[in-house]
């Protein structure tokens, strides 16, 4: 089941080494991505504008809402 993109409004990557992930804040005070990677606050991250393209293929799959089935 795909999650609406609005659920992951932020964009980030691990300091130049990762694709761009769809990110959201979680109740414990940290952040996680649509592909379930935990963004550890102890490590550096590059925060990007919210309209930045998502390049993580797993985040794209999780945030793409499909309107029908593929035949």
C-alpha atoms as a PDB file:
ATOM      1  CA  UNK A   1       0.000   0.000   0.000  1.00  0.00           C
ATOM      2  CA  UNK A   2       1.413   3.358  -1.000  1.00  0.00           C
ATOM      3  CA  UNK A   3       1.466   6.223   1.459  1.00  0.00           C
ATOM      4  CA  UNK A   4       0.348   9.670   0.335  1.00  0.00           C
ATOM      5  CA  UNK A   5       3.327  11.965  -0.366  1.00  0.00           C
ATOM      6  CA  UNK A   6       1.949  14.468   2.161  1.00  0.00           C
ATOM      7  CA  UNK A   7       2.890  11.961   4.892  1.00  0.00           C
ATOM      8  CA  UNK A   8       6.573  12.511   4.021  1.00  0.00           C
ATOM      9  CA  UNK A   9       6.892  16.262   3.333  1.00  0.00           C
ATOM     10  CA  UNK A  10      10.629  16.649   4.013  1.00  0.00           C
ATOM     11  CA  UNK A  11      13.617  15.778   1.820  1.00  0.00           C
ATOM     12  CA  UNK A  12      17.063  14.696   3.033  1.00  0.00           C
ATOM     13  CA  UNK A  13      20.065  12.565   2.277  1.00  0.00           C
ATOM     14  CA  UNK A  14      23.080  11.405   4.228  1.00  0.00           C
ATOM     15  CA  UNK A  15      25.727  14.069   3.531  1.00  0.00           C
ATOM     16  CA  UNK A  16      26.191  13.524  -0.184  1.00  0.00           C
ATOM     17  CA  UNK A  17      26.316   9.724  -0.113  1.00  0.00           C
ATOM     18  CA  UNK A  18      22.672   8.769  -0.426  1.00  0.00           C
ATOM     19  CA  UNK A  19      19.861   9.316  -2.849  1.00  0.00           C
ATOM     20  CA  UNK A  20      17.265  11.893  -1.805  1.00  0.00           C
ATOM     21  CA  UNK A  21      14.739  10.358   0.598  1.00  0.00           C
ATOM     22  CA  UNK A  22      11.176  11.325   1.467  1.00  0.00           C
ATOM     23  CA  UNK A  23      11.263  12.066   5.206  1.00  0.00           C
ATOM     24  CA  UNK A  24       8.861  12.729   8.058  1.00  0.00           C
ATOM     25  CA  UNK A  25       9.207  13.616  11.716  1.00  0.00           C
ATOM     26  CA  UNK A  26       8.161  10.924  14.153  1.00  0.00           C
ATOM     27  CA  UNK A  27       6.884  11.148  17.703  1.00  0.00           C
ATOM     28  CA  UNK A  28      10.167  10.110  19.329  1.00  0.00           C
ATOM     29  CA  UNK A  29      11.788  13.311  18.089  1.00  0.00           C
ATOM     30  CA  UNK A  30      13.701  11.889  15.166  1.00  0.00           C
ATOM     31  CA  UNK A  31      13.004  11.396  11.492  1.00  0.00           C
ATOM     32  CA  UNK A  32      12.457   8.396   9.277  1.00  0.00           C
ATOM     33  CA  UNK A  33      12.134   7.905   5.570  1.00  0.00           C
ATOM     34  CA  UNK A  34       9.416   6.322   3.461  1.00  0.00           C
ATOM     35  CA  UNK A  35      11.808   3.394   2.872  1.00  0.00           C
ATOM     36  CA  UNK A  36      12.095   2.979   6.664  1.00  0.00           C
ATOM     37  CA  UNK A  37      15.632   4.291   7.133  1.00  0.00           C
ATOM     38  CA  UNK A  38      16.069   6.017  10.482  1.00  0.00           C
ATOM     39  CA  UNK A  39      17.860   9.364  10.162  1.00  0.00           C
ATOM     40  CA  UNK A  40      20.118   9.327  13.199  1.00  0.00           C
ATOM     41  CA  UNK A  41      20.506  12.868  14.553  1.00  0.00           C
ATOM     42  CA  UNK A  42      24.123  12.057  15.513  1.00  0.00           C
ATOM     43  CA  UNK A  43      25.085  11.803  11.832  1.00  0.00           C
ATOM     44  CA  UNK A  44      25.202  14.650   9.371  1.00  0.00           C
ATOM     45  CA  UNK A  45      22.364  14.994   6.911  1.00  0.00           C
ATOM     46  CA  UNK A  46      21.797  17.307   4.050  1.00  0.00           C
ATOM     47  CA  UNK A  47      18.304  18.774   4.309  1.00  0.00           C
ATOM     48  CA  UNK A  48      16.857  19.785   0.969  1.00  0.00           C
ATOM     49  CA  UNK A  49      13.895  21.934  -0.105  1.00  0.00           C
ATOM     50  CA  UNK A  50      10.544  20.133   0.115  1.00  0.00           C
ATOM     51  CA  UNK A  51      10.072  20.280  -3.636  1.00  0.00           C
ATOM     52  CA  UNK A  52      13.356  18.433  -4.314  1.00  0.00           C
ATOM     53  CA  UNK A  53      12.942  15.309  -6.422  1.00  0.00           C
ATOM     54  CA  UNK A  54      12.951  12.018  -4.516  1.00  0.00           C
ATOM     55  CA  UNK A  55      15.661   9.769  -5.982  1.00  0.00           C
ATOM     56  CA  UNK A  56      15.480   6.801  -3.600  1.00  0.00           C
ATOM     57  CA  UNK A  57      13.626   4.131  -5.587  1.00  0.00           C
ATOM     58  CA  UNK A  58      12.140   2.607  -2.429  1.00  0.00           C
ATOM     59  CA  UNK A  59      10.847   5.972  -1.192  1.00  0.00           C
ATOM     60  CA  UNK A  60       9.347   6.606  -4.634  1.00  0.00           C
ATOM     61  CA  UNK A  61       7.531   3.253  -4.492  1.00  0.00           C
ATOM     62  CA  UNK A  62       6.197   3.968  -1.000  1.00  0.00           C
ATOM     63  CA  UNK A  63       4.924   7.458  -1.823  1.00  0.00           C
ATOM     64  CA  UNK A  64       3.501   6.852  -5.288  1.00  0.00           C
ATOM     65  CA  UNK A  65      -0.246   6.539  -5.056  1.00  0.00           C
ATOM     66  CA  UNK A  66      -1.644   4.241  -7.704  1.00  0.00           C
ATOM     67  CA  UNK A  67      -5.169   4.744  -8.983  1.00  0.00           C
ATOM     68  CA  UNK A  68      -5.670   1.330 -10.502  1.00  0.00           C
ATOM     69  CA  UNK A  69      -4.199  -2.056 -11.126  1.00  0.00           C
ATOM     70  CA  UNK A  70      -1.765  -2.854 -13.884  1.00  0.00           C
ATOM     71  CA  UNK A  71      -3.346  -5.307 -16.329  1.00  0.00           C
END
